[in-house]
């Protein structure tokens, strides 16, 4: 991940692994003066979907007046495992901190996507279920459907209007009637008024 921060107000003090990533090898590099690149690797991977990956500790300049606002931005973040290629992290937020007499107040605000995007499902290949992530830069009607390799519709996951933002949908390997589908190659397709994308995934029982 790449984190950009306000060097006029903040200085990097430490980057620490969390309970979730205690067994990971952690590496931090300073890049372009106002950003840091954090890399974490482990042969065991992450065993839980809940929790923080890393704690980044900044020191506030003593010369900064109370009420001053600084920025911290998660510019880029991605995950890689043995099965899948590089996967963008679906939930990316920017942060603003305000210096107060008691320290700092941190406020997260969701970053509105600038482009349409359909990410590769994860995990892939998968057994019981897989996650499909996509993002919308504008209000639109979204259709997200699963097809078999013959192009026959298997299931509709989304068919509604959605606000701009980042979304994720779980497919449990079942068709529209609730029956488990056989192992094989499947396609998932997103369609909006201005965007149409198709990706391939593999189900293995």
N, C-alpha and C. Protein backbone atom coordinates (compact mmCIF):
# COMPACT_ATOMS: atom_id res chain seq x y z
N UNK A 1 0.84 -1.19 0.00
CA UNK A 1 0.00 0.00 0.00
C UNK A 1 0.88 1.24 0.00
N UNK A 2 0.36 2.30 -0.58
CA UNK A 2 1.06 3.58 -0.62
C UNK A 2 0.23 4.62 0.14
N UNK A 3 0.84 5.26 1.11
CA UNK A 3 0.17 6.26 1.93
C UNK A 3 0.85 7.61 1.73
N UNK A 4 0.06 8.62 1.39
CA UNK A 4 0.56 9.98 1.20
C UNK A 4 0.11 10.83 2.38
N UNK A 5 1.01 11.67 2.90
CA UNK A 5 0.64 12.47 4.08
C UNK A 5 1.27 13.85 4.02
N UNK A 6 0.75 14.74 4.84
CA UNK A 6 1.16 16.14 4.88
C UNK A 6 2.46 16.28 5.69
N UNK A 7 3.59 16.39 4.99
CA UNK A 7 4.89 16.43 5.66
C UNK A 7 5.15 17.76 6.37
N UNK A 8 4.36 18.80 6.07
CA UNK A 8 4.53 20.07 6.77
C UNK A 8 4.02 19.98 8.21
N UNK A 9 3.12 19.04 8.45
CA UNK A 9 2.52 18.91 9.77
C UNK A 9 2.89 17.59 10.44
N UNK A 10 3.05 16.54 9.66
CA UNK A 10 3.26 15.20 10.19
C UNK A 10 4.63 14.65 9.83
N UNK A 11 5.17 13.83 10.70
CA UNK A 11 6.38 13.07 10.41
C UNK A 11 6.14 11.63 10.82
N UNK A 12 6.61 10.70 10.00
CA UNK A 12 6.41 9.28 10.27
C UNK A 12 7.24 8.85 11.46
N UNK A 13 6.59 8.22 12.43
CA UNK A 13 7.30 7.76 13.62
C UNK A 13 7.49 6.26 13.62
N UNK A 14 6.46 5.49 13.21
CA UNK A 14 6.60 4.04 13.24
C UNK A 14 5.50 3.41 12.39
N UNK A 15 5.79 2.22 11.87
CA UNK A 15 4.81 1.39 11.19
C UNK A 15 4.84 0.03 11.87
N UNK A 16 3.70 -0.42 12.38
CA UNK A 16 3.65 -1.64 13.17
C UNK A 16 2.64 -2.62 12.61
N UNK A 17 2.98 -3.90 12.68
CA UNK A 17 2.03 -4.95 12.35
C UNK A 17 0.98 -5.02 13.46
N UNK A 18 -0.15 -5.62 13.16
CA UNK A 18 -1.23 -5.75 14.13
C UNK A 18 -1.36 -7.21 14.56
N UNK A 19 -2.35 -7.49 15.38
CA UNK A 19 -2.61 -8.86 15.80
C UNK A 19 -2.89 -9.74 14.59
N UNK A 20 -3.53 -9.17 13.59
CA UNK A 20 -3.88 -9.91 12.38
C UNK A 20 -2.66 -10.25 11.54
N UNK A 21 -1.64 -9.40 11.58
CA UNK A 21 -0.47 -9.58 10.71
C UNK A 21 0.83 -9.74 11.51
N UNK A 22 0.72 -10.25 12.71
CA UNK A 22 1.90 -10.37 13.58
C UNK A 22 2.97 -11.27 12.98
N UNK A 23 2.58 -12.28 12.23
CA UNK A 23 3.55 -13.22 11.65
C UNK A 23 4.10 -12.75 10.31
N UNK A 24 3.65 -11.58 9.85
CA UNK A 24 4.08 -11.08 8.54
C UNK A 24 5.46 -10.41 8.62
N UNK A 25 6.15 -10.45 7.49
CA UNK A 25 7.38 -9.68 7.33
C UNK A 25 6.98 -8.30 6.82
N UNK A 26 7.39 -7.25 7.54
CA UNK A 26 6.96 -5.89 7.24
C UNK A 26 8.13 -5.06 6.73
N UNK A 27 7.89 -4.34 5.62
CA UNK A 27 8.92 -3.49 5.04
C UNK A 27 8.31 -2.13 4.70
N UNK A 28 9.01 -1.06 5.07
CA UNK A 28 8.53 0.30 4.82
C UNK A 28 9.59 1.09 4.06
N UNK A 29 9.18 1.75 2.99
CA UNK A 29 10.08 2.58 2.20
C UNK A 29 9.50 3.97 2.06
N UNK A 30 10.34 4.99 2.18
CA UNK A 30 9.92 6.37 1.93
C UNK A 30 10.03 6.64 0.45
N UNK A 31 8.97 7.21 -0.14
CA UNK A 31 8.94 7.45 -1.58
C UNK A 31 8.50 8.88 -1.87
N UNK A 32 9.26 9.58 -2.66
CA UNK A 32 8.91 10.92 -3.12
C UNK A 32 8.71 11.92 -1.99
N UNK A 33 9.27 11.66 -0.85
CA UNK A 33 9.25 12.64 0.23
C UNK A 33 7.98 12.70 1.04
N UNK A 34 6.81 12.64 0.37
CA UNK A 34 5.56 12.79 1.10
C UNK A 34 4.73 11.51 1.10
N UNK A 35 5.33 10.38 0.78
CA UNK A 35 4.57 9.13 0.78
C UNK A 35 5.44 7.98 1.27
N UNK A 36 4.78 6.94 1.76
CA UNK A 36 5.47 5.74 2.23
C UNK A 36 4.83 4.53 1.54
N UNK A 37 5.67 3.56 1.21
CA UNK A 37 5.20 2.32 0.60
C UNK A 37 5.39 1.21 1.62
N UNK A 38 4.31 0.54 1.97
CA UNK A 38 4.33 -0.51 2.98
C UNK A 38 4.06 -1.85 2.31
N UNK A 39 4.98 -2.81 2.51
CA UNK A 39 4.82 -4.15 1.94
C UNK A 39 4.80 -5.16 3.08
N UNK A 40 3.88 -6.13 3.00
CA UNK A 40 3.77 -7.16 4.02
C UNK A 40 3.63 -8.51 3.34
N UNK A 41 4.42 -9.48 3.78
CA UNK A 41 4.36 -10.81 3.18
C UNK A 41 4.33 -11.87 4.27
N UNK A 42 3.66 -12.99 3.95
CA UNK A 42 3.60 -14.12 4.87
C UNK A 42 3.23 -15.37 4.09
N UNK A 43 3.89 -16.51 4.39
CA UNK A 43 3.53 -17.76 3.69
C UNK A 43 2.16 -18.27 4.08
N UNK A 44 1.62 -17.81 5.21
CA UNK A 44 0.34 -18.31 5.71
C UNK A 44 -0.84 -17.46 5.28
N UNK A 45 -0.58 -16.22 4.83
CA UNK A 45 -1.65 -15.34 4.42
C UNK A 45 -2.48 -14.84 5.59
N UNK A 46 -3.62 -14.23 5.28
CA UNK A 46 -4.51 -13.68 6.29
C UNK A 46 -5.63 -14.68 6.56
N UNK A 47 -5.88 -14.98 7.82
CA UNK A 47 -6.87 -15.99 8.18
C UNK A 47 -8.21 -15.40 8.58
N UNK A 48 -8.30 -14.08 8.62
CA UNK A 48 -9.56 -13.44 9.00
C UNK A 48 -9.84 -12.25 8.09
N UNK A 49 -11.13 -11.98 7.87
CA UNK A 49 -11.51 -10.83 7.04
C UNK A 49 -11.74 -9.59 7.88
N UNK A 50 -11.63 -9.71 9.20
CA UNK A 50 -11.89 -8.60 10.10
C UNK A 50 -10.60 -8.17 10.79
N UNK A 51 -10.40 -6.85 10.90
CA UNK A 51 -9.24 -6.35 11.63
C UNK A 51 -8.38 -5.43 10.78
N UNK A 52 -7.43 -4.77 11.43
CA UNK A 52 -6.52 -3.85 10.76
C UNK A 52 -5.27 -4.59 10.32
N UNK A 53 -4.74 -4.20 9.17
CA UNK A 53 -3.53 -4.82 8.66
C UNK A 53 -2.27 -4.20 9.25
N UNK A 54 -2.31 -2.89 9.50
CA UNK A 54 -1.11 -2.19 9.93
C UNK A 54 -1.50 -0.95 10.73
N UNK A 55 -0.66 -0.58 11.68
CA UNK A 55 -0.80 0.67 12.42
C UNK A 55 0.30 1.62 11.97
N UNK A 56 -0.08 2.80 11.48
CA UNK A 56 0.88 3.81 11.07
C UNK A 56 0.84 4.95 12.08
N UNK A 57 1.97 5.23 12.69
CA UNK A 57 2.03 6.23 13.76
C UNK A 57 2.77 7.47 13.26
N UNK A 58 2.09 8.62 13.35
CA UNK A 58 2.67 9.89 12.93
C UNK A 58 2.91 10.77 14.16
N UNK A 59 3.90 11.63 14.05
CA UNK A 59 4.17 12.62 15.08
C UNK A 59 3.77 13.99 14.53
N UNK A 60 3.06 14.76 15.34
CA UNK A 60 2.59 16.08 14.93
C UNK A 60 3.65 17.12 15.28
N UNK A 61 3.93 17.99 14.35
CA UNK A 61 4.91 19.05 14.59
C UNK A 61 4.46 19.96 15.72
N UNK A 62 5.38 20.28 16.61
CA UNK A 62 5.05 21.16 17.75
C UNK A 62 4.80 22.59 17.31
N UNK A 63 5.14 22.93 16.07
CA UNK A 63 4.98 24.28 15.57
C UNK A 63 3.59 24.52 14.96
N UNK A 64 2.79 23.47 14.90
CA UNK A 64 1.48 23.58 14.25
C UNK A 64 0.45 24.14 15.23
N UNK A 65 -0.33 25.09 14.76
CA UNK A 65 -1.37 25.70 15.59
C UNK A 65 -2.58 24.78 15.70
N UNK A 66 -3.31 24.92 16.81
CA UNK A 66 -4.55 24.18 17.00
C UNK A 66 -5.56 24.58 15.92
N UNK A 67 -6.28 23.60 15.39
CA UNK A 67 -7.27 23.85 14.36
C UNK A 67 -6.74 23.65 12.95
N UNK A 68 -5.45 23.44 12.83
CA UNK A 68 -4.84 23.19 11.52
C UNK A 68 -5.27 21.81 11.01
N UNK A 69 -5.53 21.71 9.72
CA UNK A 69 -5.94 20.44 9.12
C UNK A 69 -4.83 19.89 8.23
N UNK A 70 -4.56 18.60 8.40
CA UNK A 70 -3.57 17.91 7.57
C UNK A 70 -4.27 16.77 6.83
N UNK A 71 -3.60 16.18 5.85
CA UNK A 71 -4.21 15.09 5.10
C UNK A 71 -3.40 13.82 5.24
N UNK A 72 -4.10 12.70 5.24
CA UNK A 72 -3.51 11.37 5.13
C UNK A 72 -4.35 10.64 4.10
N UNK A 73 -3.72 10.15 3.02
CA UNK A 73 -4.47 9.50 1.95
C UNK A 73 -3.89 8.12 1.63
N UNK A 74 -4.78 7.18 1.51
CA UNK A 74 -4.38 5.85 1.03
C UNK A 74 -4.45 5.90 -0.48
N UNK A 75 -3.29 6.10 -1.10
CA UNK A 75 -3.23 6.33 -2.55
C UNK A 75 -3.45 5.05 -3.34
N UNK A 76 -2.92 3.95 -2.83
CA UNK A 76 -3.01 2.68 -3.56
C UNK A 76 -2.89 1.54 -2.57
N UNK A 77 -3.71 0.51 -2.78
CA UNK A 77 -3.63 -0.67 -1.92
C UNK A 77 -4.04 -1.89 -2.71
N UNK A 78 -3.32 -2.99 -2.52
CA UNK A 78 -3.65 -4.21 -3.25
C UNK A 78 -3.18 -5.43 -2.47
N UNK A 79 -3.77 -6.57 -2.80
CA UNK A 79 -3.42 -7.83 -2.15
C UNK A 79 -3.04 -8.85 -3.22
N UNK A 80 -2.19 -9.78 -2.85
CA UNK A 80 -1.82 -10.87 -3.76
C UNK A 80 -1.73 -12.16 -2.94
N UNK A 81 -2.24 -13.26 -3.52
CA UNK A 81 -2.04 -14.55 -2.88
C UNK A 81 -1.57 -15.57 -3.91
N UNK A 82 -1.46 -16.85 -3.51
CA UNK A 82 -0.91 -17.86 -4.40
C UNK A 82 -1.83 -18.17 -5.57
N UNK A 83 -3.12 -17.96 -5.38
CA UNK A 83 -4.09 -18.35 -6.40
C UNK A 83 -4.40 -17.21 -7.35
N UNK A 84 -4.67 -16.06 -6.77
CA UNK A 84 -5.14 -14.93 -7.59
C UNK A 84 -4.02 -14.00 -7.96
N UNK A 85 -4.28 -13.20 -8.98
CA UNK A 85 -3.34 -12.15 -9.35
C UNK A 85 -3.51 -10.98 -8.38
N UNK A 86 -2.87 -9.87 -8.71
CA UNK A 86 -2.94 -8.69 -7.87
C UNK A 86 -4.39 -8.22 -7.77
N UNK A 87 -4.87 -8.03 -6.55
CA UNK A 87 -6.27 -7.68 -6.32
C UNK A 87 -6.36 -6.31 -5.66
N UNK A 88 -7.04 -5.35 -6.28
CA UNK A 88 -7.22 -4.05 -5.61
C UNK A 88 -8.07 -4.21 -4.36
N UNK A 89 -7.69 -3.52 -3.30
CA UNK A 89 -8.51 -3.51 -2.10
C UNK A 89 -9.80 -2.75 -2.40
N UNK A 90 -10.94 -3.35 -2.05
CA UNK A 90 -12.21 -2.77 -2.50
C UNK A 90 -12.61 -1.52 -1.74
N UNK A 91 -12.26 -1.47 -0.47
CA UNK A 91 -12.64 -0.32 0.33
C UNK A 91 -11.43 0.57 0.59
N UNK A 92 -11.34 1.67 -0.09
CA UNK A 92 -10.24 2.61 0.07
C UNK A 92 -10.79 3.94 0.54
N UNK A 93 -10.26 4.47 1.63
CA UNK A 93 -10.76 5.73 2.17
C UNK A 93 -9.62 6.72 2.34
N UNK A 94 -9.97 8.00 2.28
CA UNK A 94 -9.04 9.07 2.60
C UNK A 94 -9.33 9.53 4.02
N UNK A 95 -8.34 10.11 4.66
CA UNK A 95 -8.54 10.61 6.00
C UNK A 95 -8.12 12.06 6.14
N UNK A 96 -8.78 12.78 7.01
CA UNK A 96 -8.39 14.13 7.37
C UNK A 96 -8.22 14.19 8.87
N UNK A 97 -7.16 14.84 9.33
CA UNK A 97 -6.98 14.99 10.76
C UNK A 97 -6.97 16.48 11.09
N UNK A 98 -7.58 16.80 12.20
CA UNK A 98 -7.61 18.18 12.67
C UNK A 98 -6.88 18.26 14.01
N UNK A 99 -5.91 19.15 14.10
CA UNK A 99 -5.14 19.30 15.34
C UNK A 99 -6.01 20.02 16.37
N UNK A 100 -6.14 19.45 17.54
CA UNK A 100 -6.91 20.06 18.63
C UNK A 100 -6.01 20.22 19.84
N UNK A 101 -6.54 20.87 20.85
CA UNK A 101 -5.75 21.09 22.07
C UNK A 101 -5.47 19.78 22.80
N UNK A 102 -6.29 18.77 22.55
CA UNK A 102 -6.12 17.48 23.22
C UNK A 102 -5.36 16.48 22.34
N UNK A 103 -5.02 16.86 21.13
CA UNK A 103 -4.32 15.94 20.24
C UNK A 103 -4.87 16.06 18.84
N UNK A 104 -5.42 14.99 18.28
CA UNK A 104 -5.96 15.04 16.93
C UNK A 104 -7.33 14.37 16.88
N UNK A 105 -8.15 14.81 15.95
CA UNK A 105 -9.40 14.14 15.63
C UNK A 105 -9.24 13.58 14.23
N UNK A 106 -9.59 12.31 14.06
CA UNK A 106 -9.47 11.65 12.77
C UNK A 106 -10.85 11.41 12.20
N UNK A 107 -11.06 11.79 10.97
CA UNK A 107 -12.35 11.59 10.31
C UNK A 107 -12.13 10.93 8.97
N UNK A 108 -12.73 9.76 8.81
CA UNK A 108 -12.63 9.05 7.53
C UNK A 108 -13.77 9.47 6.62
N UNK A 109 -13.49 9.59 5.36
CA UNK A 109 -14.52 9.88 4.38
C UNK A 109 -14.32 9.00 3.17
N UNK A 110 -15.38 8.36 2.75
CA UNK A 110 -15.29 7.44 1.62
C UNK A 110 -14.92 8.20 0.36
N UNK A 111 -13.98 7.67 -0.37
CA UNK A 111 -13.56 8.31 -1.62
C UNK A 111 -14.49 7.85 -2.74
N UNK A 112 -15.13 8.79 -3.42
CA UNK A 112 -16.01 8.46 -4.52
C UNK A 112 -15.19 8.00 -5.72
N UNK A 113 -15.47 6.82 -6.25
CA UNK A 113 -14.70 6.35 -7.41
C UNK A 113 -14.84 7.29 -8.59
N UNK A 114 -13.81 7.37 -9.40
CA UNK A 114 -13.82 8.24 -10.58
C UNK A 114 -14.18 7.48 -11.85
N UNK A 115 -14.05 6.17 -11.83
CA UNK A 115 -14.32 5.37 -13.03
C UNK A 115 -15.10 4.12 -12.64
N UNK A 116 -15.77 3.52 -13.63
CA UNK A 116 -16.39 2.21 -13.46
C UNK A 116 -15.29 1.16 -13.42
N UNK A 117 -15.50 0.13 -12.60
CA UNK A 117 -14.51 -0.95 -12.55
C UNK A 117 -15.15 -2.22 -12.04
N UNK A 118 -14.82 -3.34 -12.66
CA UNK A 118 -15.20 -4.67 -12.20
C UNK A 118 -13.93 -5.44 -11.90
N UNK A 119 -13.73 -5.82 -10.65
CA UNK A 119 -12.50 -6.49 -10.25
C UNK A 119 -12.61 -8.00 -10.44
N UNK A 120 -11.46 -8.67 -10.46
CA UNK A 120 -11.43 -10.12 -10.52
C UNK A 120 -11.97 -10.67 -9.21
N UNK A 121 -12.80 -11.69 -9.30
CA UNK A 121 -13.35 -12.28 -8.07
C UNK A 121 -12.25 -12.86 -7.20
N UNK A 122 -12.55 -13.00 -5.92
CA UNK A 122 -11.55 -13.53 -4.99
C UNK A 122 -12.26 -14.39 -3.94
N UNK A 123 -11.81 -15.59 -3.63
CA UNK A 123 -10.70 -16.28 -4.31
C UNK A 123 -11.13 -16.81 -5.67
N UNK A 124 -10.15 -17.15 -6.47
CA UNK A 124 -10.38 -17.71 -7.79
C UNK A 124 -9.18 -18.57 -8.19
N UNK A 125 -9.34 -19.89 -8.36
CA UNK A 125 -10.56 -20.69 -8.25
C UNK A 125 -11.13 -20.67 -6.82
N UNK A 126 -12.41 -21.05 -6.68
CA UNK A 126 -13.05 -21.05 -5.37
C UNK A 126 -13.86 -22.32 -5.20
N UNK A 127 -14.21 -22.57 -3.93
CA UNK A 127 -14.98 -23.78 -3.63
C UNK A 127 -16.38 -23.42 -3.15
N UNK A 128 -16.48 -22.94 -1.93
CA UNK A 128 -17.81 -22.68 -1.37
C UNK A 128 -18.41 -21.37 -1.85
N UNK A 129 -17.61 -20.30 -1.82
CA UNK A 129 -18.12 -19.00 -2.23
C UNK A 129 -16.98 -18.11 -2.68
N UNK A 130 -17.33 -17.03 -3.39
CA UNK A 130 -16.34 -16.09 -3.88
C UNK A 130 -16.92 -14.68 -3.81
N UNK A 131 -16.02 -13.70 -3.74
CA UNK A 131 -16.43 -12.30 -3.61
C UNK A 131 -16.19 -11.57 -4.94
N UNK A 132 -17.19 -10.83 -5.39
CA UNK A 132 -17.09 -10.02 -6.60
C UNK A 132 -17.20 -8.55 -6.20
N UNK A 133 -16.19 -7.75 -6.56
CA UNK A 133 -16.16 -6.33 -6.20
C UNK A 133 -16.26 -5.46 -7.46
N UNK A 134 -16.96 -4.34 -7.31
CA UNK A 134 -17.07 -3.40 -8.42
C UNK A 134 -17.27 -2.00 -7.85
N UNK A 135 -17.05 -1.00 -8.68
CA UNK A 135 -17.21 0.38 -8.24
C UNK A 135 -17.95 1.20 -9.29
N UNK A 136 -18.69 2.21 -8.80
CA UNK A 136 -19.51 3.05 -9.65
C UNK A 136 -19.20 4.51 -9.36
N UNK A 137 -18.94 5.32 -10.39
CA UNK A 137 -18.67 6.74 -10.17
C UNK A 137 -19.94 7.60 -10.19
N UNK A 138 -21.08 6.99 -10.52
CA UNK A 138 -22.32 7.77 -10.63
C UNK A 138 -23.52 6.87 -10.34
N UNK A 139 -24.64 7.50 -10.02
CA UNK A 139 -25.89 6.76 -9.82
C UNK A 139 -26.29 6.08 -11.13
N UNK A 140 -26.60 4.79 -11.08
CA UNK A 140 -26.99 4.08 -12.29
C UNK A 140 -27.68 2.77 -11.91
N UNK A 141 -28.37 2.22 -12.89
CA UNK A 141 -28.96 0.90 -12.70
C UNK A 141 -27.89 -0.15 -12.98
N UNK A 142 -27.76 -1.09 -12.08
CA UNK A 142 -26.70 -2.10 -12.18
C UNK A 142 -27.31 -3.48 -12.34
N UNK A 143 -26.78 -4.21 -13.30
CA UNK A 143 -27.14 -5.61 -13.49
C UNK A 143 -25.87 -6.44 -13.39
N UNK A 144 -25.83 -7.37 -12.44
CA UNK A 144 -24.68 -8.25 -12.27
C UNK A 144 -25.19 -9.69 -12.32
N UNK A 145 -24.77 -10.43 -13.35
CA UNK A 145 -25.29 -11.77 -13.55
C UNK A 145 -24.17 -12.79 -13.74
N UNK A 146 -24.49 -14.04 -13.39
CA UNK A 146 -23.58 -15.17 -13.57
C UNK A 146 -24.06 -15.99 -14.76
N UNK A 147 -23.11 -16.42 -15.62
CA UNK A 147 -23.42 -17.26 -16.78
C UNK A 147 -22.52 -18.49 -16.78
N UNK A 148 -23.01 -19.58 -17.37
CA UNK A 148 -22.12 -20.72 -17.57
C UNK A 148 -21.31 -20.52 -18.84
N UNK A 149 -20.44 -21.45 -19.15
CA UNK A 149 -19.51 -21.27 -20.26
C UNK A 149 -20.24 -21.26 -21.61
N UNK A 150 -21.51 -21.74 -21.62
CA UNK A 150 -22.32 -21.73 -22.84
C UNK A 150 -23.07 -20.41 -23.02
N UNK A 151 -22.92 -19.52 -22.04
CA UNK A 151 -23.60 -18.24 -22.13
C UNK A 151 -25.01 -18.26 -21.56
N UNK A 152 -25.39 -19.34 -20.90
CA UNK A 152 -26.72 -19.44 -20.30
C UNK A 152 -26.72 -18.78 -18.92
N UNK A 153 -27.75 -18.00 -18.65
CA UNK A 153 -27.81 -17.30 -17.37
C UNK A 153 -28.01 -18.29 -16.23
N UNK A 154 -27.18 -18.15 -15.19
CA UNK A 154 -27.24 -19.02 -14.02
C UNK A 154 -27.94 -18.33 -12.85
N UNK A 155 -27.59 -17.07 -12.64
CA UNK A 155 -28.17 -16.35 -11.50
C UNK A 155 -27.97 -14.85 -11.64
N UNK A 156 -28.93 -14.08 -11.16
CA UNK A 156 -28.81 -12.64 -11.09
C UNK A 156 -28.44 -12.24 -9.66
N UNK A 157 -27.31 -11.59 -9.48
CA UNK A 157 -26.87 -11.17 -8.15
C UNK A 157 -27.33 -9.76 -7.80
N UNK A 158 -27.35 -8.88 -8.80
CA UNK A 158 -27.77 -7.49 -8.59
C UNK A 158 -28.62 -7.04 -9.77
N UNK A 159 -29.73 -6.38 -9.46
CA UNK A 159 -30.55 -5.76 -10.50
C UNK A 159 -31.31 -4.60 -9.87
N UNK A 160 -30.63 -3.46 -9.73
CA UNK A 160 -31.22 -2.32 -9.02
C UNK A 160 -30.41 -1.06 -9.30
N UNK A 161 -30.97 0.08 -8.92
CA UNK A 161 -30.24 1.33 -8.98
C UNK A 161 -29.32 1.41 -7.76
N UNK A 162 -28.10 1.90 -7.96
CA UNK A 162 -27.14 2.02 -6.86
C UNK A 162 -26.43 3.37 -6.92
N UNK A 163 -26.13 3.90 -5.75
CA UNK A 163 -25.42 5.16 -5.62
C UNK A 163 -23.94 4.97 -5.97
N UNK A 164 -23.21 6.08 -6.24
CA UNK A 164 -21.77 5.96 -6.47
C UNK A 164 -21.09 5.34 -5.25
N UNK A 165 -20.11 4.50 -5.48
CA UNK A 165 -19.40 3.88 -4.37
C UNK A 165 -18.78 2.56 -4.77
N UNK A 166 -18.29 1.85 -3.77
CA UNK A 166 -17.62 0.58 -3.97
C UNK A 166 -18.48 -0.51 -3.36
N UNK A 167 -18.65 -1.60 -4.08
CA UNK A 167 -19.57 -2.66 -3.67
C UNK A 167 -18.90 -4.02 -3.76
N UNK A 168 -19.42 -4.94 -2.97
CA UNK A 168 -18.98 -6.32 -3.07
C UNK A 168 -20.18 -7.25 -2.89
N UNK A 169 -20.19 -8.32 -3.68
CA UNK A 169 -21.28 -9.28 -3.67
C UNK A 169 -20.68 -10.68 -3.52
N UNK A 170 -21.31 -11.51 -2.71
CA UNK A 170 -20.85 -12.89 -2.53
C UNK A 170 -21.71 -13.82 -3.37
N UNK A 171 -21.04 -14.68 -4.17
CA UNK A 171 -21.76 -15.74 -4.87
C UNK A 171 -21.41 -17.06 -4.21
N UNK A 172 -22.45 -17.81 -3.81
CA UNK A 172 -22.27 -19.06 -3.08
C UNK A 172 -22.27 -20.29 -3.97
N UNK A 173 -22.12 -20.09 -5.28
CA UNK A 173 -22.05 -21.24 -6.17
C UNK A 173 -23.40 -21.90 -6.44
N UNK A 174 -24.49 -21.14 -6.22
CA UNK A 174 -25.84 -21.69 -6.44
C UNK A 174 -26.53 -20.94 -7.57
N UNK A 175 -27.48 -21.63 -8.22
CA UNK A 175 -28.23 -20.98 -9.28
C UNK A 175 -29.42 -20.21 -8.70
N UNK A 176 -30.26 -19.69 -9.58
CA UNK A 176 -31.39 -18.90 -9.13
C UNK A 176 -32.42 -19.66 -8.34
N UNK A 177 -32.40 -21.00 -8.42
CA UNK A 177 -33.35 -21.84 -7.67
C UNK A 177 -32.78 -22.35 -6.36
N UNK A 178 -31.54 -21.96 -6.08
CA UNK A 178 -30.91 -22.40 -4.84
C UNK A 178 -30.17 -23.71 -4.94
N UNK A 179 -29.99 -24.23 -6.16
CA UNK A 179 -29.27 -25.49 -6.34
C UNK A 179 -27.79 -25.24 -6.58
N UNK A 180 -26.94 -26.10 -6.05
CA UNK A 180 -25.50 -26.00 -6.29
C UNK A 180 -25.21 -26.29 -7.75
N UNK A 181 -24.38 -25.46 -8.36
CA UNK A 181 -24.01 -25.68 -9.76
C UNK A 181 -22.75 -26.54 -9.81
N UNK A 182 -22.52 -27.25 -10.90
CA UNK A 182 -21.35 -28.13 -10.99
C UNK A 182 -20.05 -27.35 -11.14
N UNK A 183 -18.95 -28.05 -10.90
CA UNK A 183 -17.63 -27.45 -11.10
C UNK A 183 -17.47 -27.03 -12.55
N UNK A 184 -16.68 -25.98 -12.76
CA UNK A 184 -16.43 -25.54 -14.12
C UNK A 184 -16.11 -24.07 -14.20
N UNK A 185 -16.05 -23.59 -15.43
CA UNK A 185 -15.75 -22.18 -15.69
C UNK A 185 -17.07 -21.41 -15.80
N UNK A 186 -17.13 -20.29 -15.10
CA UNK A 186 -18.31 -19.44 -15.14
C UNK A 186 -17.90 -18.00 -15.46
N UNK A 187 -18.84 -17.24 -15.95
CA UNK A 187 -18.60 -15.85 -16.31
C UNK A 187 -19.51 -14.97 -15.46
N UNK A 188 -19.00 -13.81 -15.07
CA UNK A 188 -19.86 -12.83 -14.42
C UNK A 188 -19.76 -11.52 -15.18
N UNK A 189 -20.91 -10.88 -15.35
CA UNK A 189 -21.00 -9.71 -16.21
C UNK A 189 -21.75 -8.59 -15.51
N UNK A 190 -21.17 -7.40 -15.56
CA UNK A 190 -21.84 -6.22 -15.03
C UNK A 190 -22.25 -5.33 -16.19
N UNK A 191 -23.46 -4.80 -16.11
CA UNK A 191 -23.97 -3.91 -17.15
C UNK A 191 -24.64 -2.70 -16.50
N UNK A 192 -24.24 -1.52 -16.94
CA UNK A 192 -24.90 -0.29 -16.54
C UNK A 192 -25.21 0.48 -17.83
N UNK A 193 -25.71 1.67 -17.69
CA UNK A 193 -26.00 2.45 -18.88
C UNK A 193 -24.77 2.83 -19.68
N UNK A 194 -23.61 2.92 -19.00
CA UNK A 194 -22.39 3.39 -19.66
C UNK A 194 -21.23 2.41 -19.55
N UNK A 195 -21.44 1.29 -18.90
CA UNK A 195 -20.31 0.38 -18.63
C UNK A 195 -20.78 -1.06 -18.76
N UNK A 196 -19.93 -1.87 -19.39
CA UNK A 196 -20.22 -3.27 -19.61
C UNK A 196 -18.91 -4.03 -19.50
N UNK A 197 -18.82 -5.00 -18.59
CA UNK A 197 -17.57 -5.74 -18.42
C UNK A 197 -17.87 -7.20 -18.09
N UNK A 198 -16.96 -8.07 -18.49
CA UNK A 198 -17.12 -9.52 -18.32
C UNK A 198 -15.82 -10.12 -17.80
N UNK A 199 -15.94 -11.00 -16.81
CA UNK A 199 -14.76 -11.69 -16.28
C UNK A 199 -15.05 -13.17 -16.08
N UNK A 200 -13.97 -13.95 -16.01
CA UNK A 200 -14.07 -15.40 -15.90
C UNK A 200 -13.67 -15.86 -14.49
N UNK A 201 -14.33 -16.92 -14.01
CA UNK A 201 -13.96 -17.50 -12.71
C UNK A 201 -14.14 -19.01 -12.78
N UNK A 202 -13.52 -19.72 -11.83
CA UNK A 202 -13.53 -21.17 -11.85
C UNK A 202 -14.05 -21.70 -10.51
N UNK A 203 -15.07 -22.55 -10.58
CA UNK A 203 -15.64 -23.20 -9.40
C UNK A 203 -15.13 -24.63 -9.34
N UNK A 204 -14.58 -25.02 -8.18
CA UNK A 204 -14.05 -26.36 -7.99
C UNK A 204 -14.66 -26.97 -6.73
N UNK A 205 -15.39 -28.05 -6.87
CA UNK A 205 -15.97 -28.73 -5.72
C UNK A 205 -15.00 -29.74 -5.16
